[in-house]
Structure formats: structure tokens, C-alpha cells
Protein backbone atom coordinates (compact mmCIF):
# COMPACT_ATOMS: atom_id res chain seq x y z
CA MET A 1 29.40 18.21 0.57
CA LYS A 2 26.89 15.36 0.70
CA SER A 3 27.13 13.42 3.95
CA LYS A 4 25.83 10.00 2.88
CA ARG A 5 25.21 7.84 -0.15
CA ILE A 6 21.93 5.98 0.22
CA LEU A 7 20.42 3.25 -1.96
CA PHE A 8 16.70 2.54 -2.08
CA PHE A 9 15.92 -0.82 -3.72
CA ILE A 10 12.43 -1.92 -4.78
CA THR A 11 10.83 -4.45 -7.15
CA SER A 12 9.21 -1.82 -9.41
CA LEU A 13 7.35 1.46 -9.23
CA ALA A 14 3.96 -0.20 -9.39
CA SER A 15 0.65 1.31 -8.27
CA GLY A 16 0.60 0.05 -4.68
CA GLY A 17 0.73 1.89 -1.36
CA ALA A 18 4.37 0.92 -0.67
CA GLU A 19 5.49 2.55 -3.91
CA ARG A 20 3.41 5.66 -3.20
CA ALA A 21 4.93 5.93 0.29
CA LEU A 22 8.47 5.52 -1.07
CA LEU A 23 7.98 8.34 -3.56
CA ASN A 24 6.59 10.58 -0.81
CA LEU A 25 9.73 9.87 1.22
CA LEU A 26 12.04 10.62 -1.72
CA LYS A 27 10.27 13.93 -2.36
CA ASN A 28 11.06 14.98 1.20
CA ILE A 29 14.78 14.15 1.20
CA ASP A 30 17.29 16.99 0.87
CA THR A 31 19.35 15.87 -2.15
CA ASN A 32 21.90 18.59 -1.41
CA LYS A 33 22.66 16.70 1.79
CA TYR A 34 22.25 13.08 0.65
CA GLU A 35 23.21 11.33 -2.59
CA ILE A 36 20.20 9.16 -3.35
CA THR A 37 20.02 6.26 -5.81
CA LEU A 38 16.79 4.40 -6.53
CA LYS A 39 17.17 0.97 -8.12
CA ALA A 40 14.27 -1.20 -9.26
CA ILE A 41 14.36 -4.79 -10.44
CA CYS A 42 11.91 -4.00 -13.26
CA ALA A 43 11.49 -0.78 -15.23
CA GLY A 44 8.22 0.51 -16.65
CA GLY A 45 6.08 0.95 -13.52
CA PRO A 46 3.23 3.49 -13.76
CA ARG A 47 4.82 5.71 -11.08
CA GLU A 48 8.20 6.19 -12.78
CA ASN A 49 7.19 9.69 -13.90
CA GLU A 50 6.80 10.69 -10.23
CA ILE A 51 10.47 10.21 -9.33
CA PRO A 52 11.64 13.61 -8.01
CA ASN A 53 14.54 15.55 -9.49
CA GLY A 54 17.93 14.87 -7.95
CA ILE A 55 17.31 11.11 -7.57
CA LYS A 56 19.41 8.72 -9.68
CA TYR A 57 17.08 6.05 -11.08
CA LYS A 58 18.68 2.80 -12.27
CA PRO A 59 16.35 -0.12 -13.11
CA ILE A 60 18.05 -3.50 -13.51
CA ILE A 61 15.77 -4.97 -16.19
CA LYS A 62 14.52 -2.54 -18.82
CA THR A 63 12.59 -5.00 -20.94
CA LYS A 64 8.82 -5.41 -20.59
CA ASN A 65 8.94 -8.97 -21.96
CA LYS A 66 6.88 -10.92 -19.42
CA ILE A 67 8.58 -14.26 -20.18
CA LEU A 68 12.07 -12.84 -19.53
CA LEU A 69 10.87 -11.17 -16.34
CA LYS A 70 9.36 -14.46 -15.16
CA ILE A 71 12.62 -16.32 -15.84
CA PHE A 72 14.61 -13.66 -13.98
CA ARG A 73 12.33 -13.91 -10.93
CA LYS A 74 12.66 -17.71 -10.95
CA LEU A 75 16.45 -17.48 -11.09
CA LEU A 76 16.48 -15.15 -8.09
CA MET A 77 15.29 -18.09 -6.00
CA PHE A 78 18.82 -19.53 -6.31
CA PRO A 79 21.24 -18.01 -3.74
CA LEU A 80 24.18 -17.93 -6.16
CA PHE A 81 22.21 -16.02 -8.80
CA SER A 82 20.98 -13.44 -6.26
CA LYS A 83 24.62 -12.89 -5.17
CA ILE A 84 25.58 -12.37 -8.82
CA VAL A 85 22.74 -9.84 -9.20
CA TYR A 86 24.01 -7.97 -6.13
CA LYS A 87 27.63 -7.88 -7.33
CA THR A 88 26.65 -6.94 -10.88
CA PHE A 89 23.94 -4.34 -10.35
CA ILE A 90 24.41 -3.08 -6.78
CA ASN A 91 28.13 -2.64 -7.24
CA GLU A 92 28.64 0.89 -5.95
CA LYS A 93 29.62 1.79 -2.42
CA TYR A 94 26.76 3.06 -0.25
CA ASP A 95 26.60 4.10 3.38
CA ILE A 96 23.06 2.77 3.73
CA GLU A 97 21.18 0.20 1.61
CA ILE A 98 17.41 0.13 2.07
CA ALA A 99 15.22 -2.73 0.83
CA CYS A 100 11.88 -1.02 0.34
CA LEU A 101 9.85 -4.23 0.20
CA GLN A 102 9.90 -7.61 1.87
CA GLY A 103 10.73 -10.58 -0.33
CA ILE A 104 13.14 -10.26 -3.24
CA PRO A 105 14.54 -6.72 -2.54
CA THR A 106 15.39 -7.70 1.06
CA TYR A 107 16.72 -11.08 -0.07
CA ILE A 108 19.14 -9.47 -2.55
CA ILE A 109 20.25 -6.61 -0.28
CA GLN A 110 21.50 -8.99 2.41
CA LYS A 111 23.73 -10.84 -0.08
CA GLY A 112 26.69 -8.47 -0.08
CA ASN A 113 28.67 -5.48 1.24
CA ASN A 114 28.51 -6.12 4.95
CA GLU A 115 30.39 -2.87 5.61
CA CYS A 116 27.33 -0.67 4.95
CA LYS A 117 24.24 -0.39 7.12
CA LYS A 118 21.21 -2.26 5.82
CA ILE A 119 17.57 -1.49 6.47
CA ALA A 120 14.54 -3.62 5.55
CA PHE A 121 11.01 -2.29 5.15
CA VAL A 122 8.20 -4.78 5.78
CA CYS A 123 5.26 -3.28 3.90
CA THR A 124 2.70 -6.00 4.51
CA ALA A 125 0.96 -7.66 7.42
CA ILE A 126 1.52 -11.36 7.98
CA SER A 127 -0.88 -13.51 5.98
CA LYS A 128 -0.89 -17.07 4.68
CA GLU A 129 -0.04 -15.76 1.20
CA PHE A 130 2.93 -13.73 2.51
CA TYR A 131 4.24 -16.61 4.62
CA ASN A 132 4.07 -19.12 1.75
CA ASN A 133 5.83 -16.74 -0.67
CA ILE A 134 8.64 -15.82 1.70
CA ILE A 135 9.27 -19.46 2.69
CA LYS A 136 9.66 -20.33 -1.02
CA LEU A 137 12.35 -17.67 -1.27
CA TYR A 138 14.29 -18.30 1.95
CA LYS A 139 13.67 -22.09 2.09
CA SER A 140 13.21 -22.14 5.89
CA LYS A 141 11.89 -20.10 8.79
CA ASP A 142 15.36 -20.01 10.37
CA ASN A 143 16.81 -18.45 7.21
CA ILE A 144 14.16 -15.71 7.33
CA ILE A 145 14.93 -14.94 10.98
CA ASN A 146 18.72 -14.89 10.41
CA SER A 147 18.31 -12.61 7.39
CA TYR A 148 16.33 -10.02 9.34
CA LYS A 149 18.66 -10.26 12.35
CA LYS A 150 21.51 -9.04 10.12
CA MET A 151 19.69 -5.79 9.39
CA GLU A 152 20.48 -2.58 11.23
CA LEU A 153 16.76 -1.83 11.32
CA VAL A 154 13.61 -3.73 10.31
CA CYS A 155 10.91 -1.10 9.80
CA PHE A 156 7.19 -1.82 9.93
CA LYS A 157 4.36 0.45 8.82
CA SER A 158 2.23 -0.11 11.92
CA GLU A 159 2.55 -1.56 15.39
CA GLY A 160 0.02 -4.24 14.48
CA ALA A 161 2.15 -5.38 11.53
CA ARG A 162 5.29 -5.43 13.72
CA ARG A 163 3.51 -7.45 16.41
CA GLU A 164 2.20 -10.03 13.89
CA PHE A 165 5.67 -10.46 12.36
CA CYS A 166 7.33 -11.02 15.75
CA LYS A 167 4.57 -13.42 16.76
CA THR A 168 5.31 -15.51 13.65
CA PHE A 169 9.11 -15.26 13.48
CA GLY A 170 10.07 -14.39 17.05
CA GLU A 171 10.91 -11.10 18.77
CA LEU A 172 13.83 -9.22 17.20
CA ASN A 173 15.76 -6.44 18.92
CA ASN A 174 16.17 -4.35 15.75
CA THR A 175 12.52 -3.63 14.86
CA CYS A 176 10.75 -0.29 14.84
CA VAL A 177 7.58 1.32 13.50
CA ILE A 178 7.99 4.05 10.90
CA HIS A 179 4.70 5.13 9.37
CA ASN A 180 4.36 6.04 5.71
CA ILE A 181 4.98 9.69 4.87
CA ILE A 182 1.66 11.22 3.86
CA ASP A 183 1.82 14.23 1.55
CA VAL A 184 -1.33 15.81 2.94
CA ASN A 185 -1.07 19.09 1.01
CA GLN A 186 -0.60 17.26 -2.30
CA ILE A 187 -3.58 15.00 -1.58
CA LEU A 188 -5.78 18.02 -0.88
CA LYS A 189 -4.51 19.81 -3.99
CA ASP A 190 -4.95 16.80 -6.29
CA SER A 191 -8.44 16.11 -4.92
CA GLU A 192 -9.62 19.44 -6.36
CA LEU A 193 -8.88 18.36 -9.94
CA GLU A 194 -11.70 17.19 -12.16
CA ILE A 195 -12.52 13.51 -12.49
CA GLU A 196 -11.32 12.22 -15.85
CA GLU A 197 -14.68 10.81 -16.82
CA ASN A 198 -18.13 11.73 -15.56
CA VAL A 199 -18.83 8.45 -13.75
CA PHE A 200 -20.60 9.40 -10.53
CA SER A 201 -24.37 9.72 -10.31
CA THR A 202 -25.89 12.65 -8.43
CA ASN A 203 -28.99 10.82 -7.26
CA CYS A 204 -27.50 7.73 -5.60
CA ILE A 205 -24.89 6.61 -3.06
CA ASN A 206 -21.47 6.47 -4.77
CA ILE A 207 -19.17 3.93 -3.11
CA VAL A 208 -15.45 3.73 -3.96
CA ASN A 209 -12.60 1.29 -3.39
CA CYS A 210 -9.07 2.02 -4.67
CA SER A 211 -6.55 -0.81 -4.51
CA ARG A 212 -4.64 -3.47 -6.37
CA ILE A 213 -7.13 -6.07 -7.57
CA VAL A 214 -5.60 -9.10 -5.91
CA PRO A 215 -7.06 -11.68 -3.48
CA ILE A 216 -5.52 -10.16 -0.30
CA LYS A 217 -7.58 -6.98 -0.85
CA GLY A 218 -10.84 -8.92 -0.45
CA ILE A 219 -12.59 -7.12 -3.31
CA ASP A 220 -14.63 -10.24 -4.02
CA ARG A 221 -16.29 -9.58 -0.65
CA ILE A 222 -17.57 -6.22 -1.94
CA ILE A 223 -18.79 -7.66 -5.23
CA LYS A 224 -20.55 -10.66 -3.67
CA SER A 225 -22.07 -8.47 -0.94
CA ALA A 226 -23.48 -6.09 -3.55
CA LYS A 227 -24.89 -9.07 -5.47
CA GLU A 228 -26.62 -10.33 -2.30
CA ILE A 229 -27.93 -6.88 -1.32
CA GLY A 230 -29.23 -6.31 -4.83
CA ILE A 231 -30.31 -3.01 -6.30
CA THR A 232 -33.54 -1.10 -5.75
CA ASN A 233 -34.34 2.18 -7.53
CA ASN A 234 -30.65 2.56 -8.48
CA LYS A 235 -29.97 3.46 -4.84
CA TYR A 236 -26.18 2.94 -4.96
CA LYS A 237 -23.25 2.32 -7.30
CA ILE A 238 -19.85 0.82 -6.56
CA TYR A 239 -16.63 1.90 -8.26
CA ILE A 240 -13.52 -0.30 -7.85
CA ILE A 241 -10.46 1.57 -9.15
CA GLY A 242 -7.26 -0.30 -9.89
CA ASN A 243 -5.77 -3.26 -11.70
CA GLY A 244 -4.26 -6.60 -10.81
CA ALA A 245 -4.23 -10.36 -11.22
CA SER A 246 -7.90 -10.88 -10.27
CA GLU A 247 -9.31 -8.13 -12.48
CA CYS A 248 -10.51 -10.35 -15.34
CA GLU A 249 -12.06 -12.87 -12.93
CA TYR A 250 -14.06 -10.17 -11.14
CA LYS A 251 -15.13 -8.50 -14.38
CA ASP A 252 -16.41 -11.85 -15.70
CA PHE A 253 -18.37 -12.43 -12.48
CA ILE A 254 -19.94 -8.95 -12.71
CA LEU A 255 -20.88 -9.51 -16.37
CA LYS A 256 -22.28 -13.04 -15.90
CA ASN A 257 -24.44 -11.92 -12.97
CA ASN A 258 -25.55 -8.66 -14.64
CA LEU A 259 -24.30 -6.57 -11.70
CA TYR A 260 -24.53 -3.36 -13.71
CA TRP A 261 -24.25 -1.16 -10.60
CA ILE A 262 -20.67 -2.39 -9.96
CA ASN A 263 -17.93 -0.79 -12.08
CA ILE A 264 -14.25 -1.70 -12.28
CA LEU A 265 -12.31 1.30 -13.54
CA PRO A 266 -8.66 1.19 -14.68
CA TYR A 267 -5.81 2.42 -12.49
CA LYS A 268 -5.67 6.22 -12.12
CA ASP A 269 -2.60 8.37 -11.53
CA ASN A 270 -4.81 10.60 -9.38
CA ILE A 271 -7.40 8.75 -7.30
CA TYR A 272 -8.13 11.60 -4.93
CA PRO A 273 -11.02 13.31 -6.80
CA TYR A 274 -12.78 9.92 -6.89
CA ILE A 275 -12.36 9.43 -3.14
CA LYS A 276 -13.33 13.02 -2.31
CA ASN A 277 -16.52 12.92 -4.38
CA ALA A 278 -17.64 9.55 -3.04
CA ASN A 279 -20.33 9.12 -0.39
CA LEU A 280 -18.43 6.18 1.11
CA TYR A 281 -14.96 4.65 0.92
CA ILE A 282 -14.93 0.89 1.54
CA SER A 283 -11.84 -1.15 2.41
CA SER A 284 -12.39 -4.91 2.40
CA SER A 285 -8.79 -6.05 2.87
CA ILE A 286 -7.95 -9.33 4.54
CA SER A 287 -4.61 -7.88 5.65
CA GLU A 288 -2.85 -4.49 5.42
CA SER A 289 0.40 -3.27 6.90
CA PHE A 290 -0.90 0.29 7.03
CA GLY A 291 -3.92 1.04 4.82
CA MET A 292 -2.92 4.10 2.78
CA SER A 293 -6.29 4.51 1.08
CA ILE A 294 -8.05 4.59 4.47
CA VAL A 295 -5.70 7.39 5.54
CA GLU A 296 -6.44 9.29 2.33
CA ALA A 297 -10.19 8.99 2.84
CA LEU A 298 -9.81 10.30 6.42
CA ILE A 299 -7.82 13.29 5.14
CA LEU A 300 -10.51 14.04 2.54
CA GLY A 301 -13.34 13.77 5.07
CA VAL A 302 -15.07 10.77 3.48
CA PRO A 303 -16.90 8.18 5.64
CA ILE A 304 -15.32 4.72 5.68
CA ILE A 305 -16.29 1.10 6.10
CA SER A 306 -13.20 -0.98 6.87
CA THR A 307 -12.55 -4.56 7.85
CA ASN A 308 -10.86 -4.87 11.24
CA ILE A 309 -7.24 -5.01 10.09
CA THR A 310 -4.47 -4.72 12.69
CA SER A 311 -3.10 -1.39 11.40
CA LEU A 312 -6.31 0.48 12.24
CA GLU A 313 -5.04 0.99 15.79
CA ASP A 314 -2.28 3.22 14.34
CA ILE A 315 -4.63 5.04 11.96
CA ILE A 316 -7.89 5.70 13.84
CA SER A 317 -7.59 7.94 16.91
CA GLN A 318 -9.78 7.53 19.96
CA GLY A 319 -12.41 10.28 19.99
CA HIS A 320 -12.21 10.68 16.21
CA GLU A 321 -13.65 7.38 15.04
CA GLN A 322 -17.28 8.41 14.46
CA GLY A 323 -17.00 8.59 10.65
CA VAL A 324 -15.60 5.07 10.42
CA MET A 325 -17.52 1.79 10.62
CA ILE A 326 -15.15 -1.04 11.52
CA VAL A 327 -16.59 -4.43 10.58
CA GLU A 328 -15.61 -8.06 11.11
CA ASN A 329 -12.80 -9.14 8.78
CA SER A 330 -14.98 -11.50 6.74
CA TYR A 331 -17.51 -11.59 3.94
CA ASP A 332 -20.32 -11.34 6.52
CA GLY A 333 -18.69 -8.27 8.05
CA VAL A 334 -18.48 -6.48 4.69
CA TYR A 335 -22.02 -7.56 3.72
CA ASN A 336 -23.63 -6.42 6.98
CA GLY A 337 -21.75 -3.11 7.08
CA LEU A 338 -22.49 -2.24 3.47
CA LYS A 339 -26.17 -3.18 3.76
CA ARG A 340 -26.56 -1.12 6.93
CA TYR A 341 -24.92 1.95 5.40
CA ILE A 342 -27.05 1.78 2.26
CA ASN A 343 -30.36 1.24 4.07
CA ASP A 344 -29.95 3.40 7.19
CA SER A 345 -30.10 7.06 6.15
CA VAL A 346 -29.69 8.36 9.72
CA LEU A 347 -26.48 6.36 10.21
CA ARG A 348 -25.24 7.40 6.77
CA ASN A 349 -25.81 11.12 7.35
CA ASN A 350 -24.18 10.98 10.80
CA MET A 351 -21.10 9.24 9.37
CA ILE A 352 -20.83 11.78 6.54
CA LYS A 353 -21.05 14.69 9.00
CA SER A 354 -18.52 13.13 11.43
CA ALA A 355 -16.02 12.34 8.65
CA ARG A 356 -16.10 15.97 7.49
CA ASN A 357 -15.68 17.26 11.05
CA ASN A 358 -12.68 14.97 11.67
CA ALA A 359 -10.85 15.79 8.42
CA ILE A 360 -8.70 18.63 9.80
CA TYR A 361 -7.69 16.55 12.82
CA TYR A 362 -6.44 13.72 10.57
CA GLN A 363 -4.72 16.13 8.17
CA ASN A 364 -2.66 17.47 11.09
CA LYS A 365 -2.01 13.98 12.49
CA PHE A 366 -0.60 12.53 9.28
CA MET A 367 1.53 15.61 8.49
CA SER A 368 3.73 14.70 11.46
CA TYR A 369 5.02 11.39 10.03
CA TYR A 370 8.04 12.83 8.20
CA ASP A 371 10.05 13.18 11.42
CA GLU A 372 9.82 9.40 11.95
CA ASN A 373 11.21 8.71 8.48
CA ARG A 374 14.18 11.02 9.00
CA ARG A 375 15.43 8.45 11.52
CA ILE A 376 16.47 5.98 8.84
CA LEU A 377 18.66 8.57 7.12
CA GLU A 378 20.55 9.38 10.31
CA ILE A 379 21.50 5.90 11.56
């Protein structure tokens, strides 16, 4: 007999790190023990085909009409409508309801059924963009605080993200840090597959970034840094893999400035062969709650340049940081780090060697995260 009925609620199964982490968690849940339902506001996300067997998947909106989706999101801003959505679509009885993202999923979950235990995941670090968006939804800072106080647990992906949240909204007594589950064996297995297209050059430095192409990821820092550094003897190439709201803007900038050594490739179901075969992984994010792609590069033994985001303290272990260059969280930081890596062959070779040597350590470290996630199923 199954002991608990658990609902996971998310916006969509898009291509971000939060969605990847959720699917890793679902793959590790014993569905003979728990009855699991996954509900999404919008159907049609690129990761829908990764939902494991034994999970009931029930999207609320099945249309891909962008106008209707926009209207629905606008209506959710009204408290009465969000209560109607809860009563209409989350109308079954669950023991635990889990909002897998901050914002709308958390906002809807706290609208009904006070008898069940409710958990909120905060899968972002505090930024101006996050603060402005969440204030629009909740109308006031006090409403945000009261909403999260009602939760059984508020789970953050790193201690740095938890600390920033409490600094902004006040200390709560129901917070905890639960790191993303990392499917290390699957990452290693998938990294051995062939790259879909023969994009990498054998006689230059291949630099990769994998992320949503949105302002918070700071990808414009990479592009503008590469423009300033210039290109000599085809010494390096940059591959940005993903999609998002800023994609067309960045592509236009690359085209207008003839930055032929910078390539934006479409989203890939399997990014790991690209990371593994790169000579450098670069993360230029302004803010990250955890930094999944940094973790994946560590597992695959690839050297990293990363802006100094708060979650690095959870990811990088003392004594095993030699393959990582942490730079100032700014355009200048990205520019100086990238230029140094490209031009200093001694530094580059040392980082490559150290990253390979540290790979097994990080594989073992990140394998241990499942035990943390089991906690939310047992409350």
C-alpha cells in the first residue's frame, strides 16, 4: 500500500536547471511507496518526454497558443482567479503539495487545502528581476513573507540563496537547504554519446556555455568580452547552447559585428558531450540559486570560469578548486578571466589538468545529494 499522495506543481517542463533537477528527483522516488502526481501550468515543454514511468502527468493548459497562455498568466495575478484555478485543477486530496518554483506555482499552492502539508522550492537567488516579478504577483512584501510562513518547509538550493532570501524578506524558521539531485552516472553515460553536429575545431580553444538565453545569465558579458578580445589566428571559438528571450538580440549583435567565432546553437536534449569535449566551460551568470551547469562541468572534469555567485560556496570544495577560475561578477570580471585563459597557456594547461584530477572527487560529492531530498517526502 502506498503511504502518501504527493503533488509536484511547476510552471512547465522547460529547459532550465530547476526542471532538470525536478526530473532527477522524480526518477529517484519509489512509486511503489508513493503515489506521485506532476501538474504543470503549461504543457509542451521540451522535457516532457523525460517524465519517468509511474508518475501521473496532468498539465492544466494543453494549448500552445501564446496569446491564450499570456491571458491566463495575467489572470493569475488576481487572487480570486488563482483560487478558482486551485479548486478546479488541484482538486484531489494530497498529503503533501510541493510548489517546485517560486512565483506562480507557490502562489497557487498556498490558495487552498490547508489540511495538507505544503512545501515551496525557491530555485533562484535574489535579484532585482526576481524581486520586481514577485512583488507584482503578491502586491506587497508582507504578503510574500506571510505566504512563505504558511509553508511547512521553504527549500533553497544553496546556503547562499537561503541567506540572500532571508536578508531581503526576514529570517523564517521553516527554511532549509536541499541541493539538487545530480544523476552523476547518467551524466557520465550521456557524455559519451556523439555530438549531433561536428561543431568543435581541433586546433583551437573550444569554449562552451549552456543556459537559458535570458538577461540574468549574463551571456552578453561573454559576447562583448569576445568582441573586445578579438580573434587572432582562429585561436578560440565560443559556443552558447540554449534558447530564450534574448536569443534574437544576441544573434543580431553577433551578425552586425561579424563575430564569426561566436556561435549560438539551439537547445539540446543532451548537452553533456558538448561540455565534456570543451576546453573551457564559462558561466557568466549575474545570479544563480545553485549553478547546475557548473556542477556538470566539474563532474566531467572540464575547467571552469565562473562569476562569483553566492552558490559557489556550496559547489566548490576547499582543496579542490584549482580547475576553477572565479572572477568578479561583472563584465570586467568575465573579460579579464576569459582573456587570461585564452592568452596564458601555462594557466590553461594547469586548469585542464586540475579539473581532470578533481573529477572523481566531485562525482562522489554530488552523488550524496539524494539523501537530502528524501527529507521532503518524509515530513
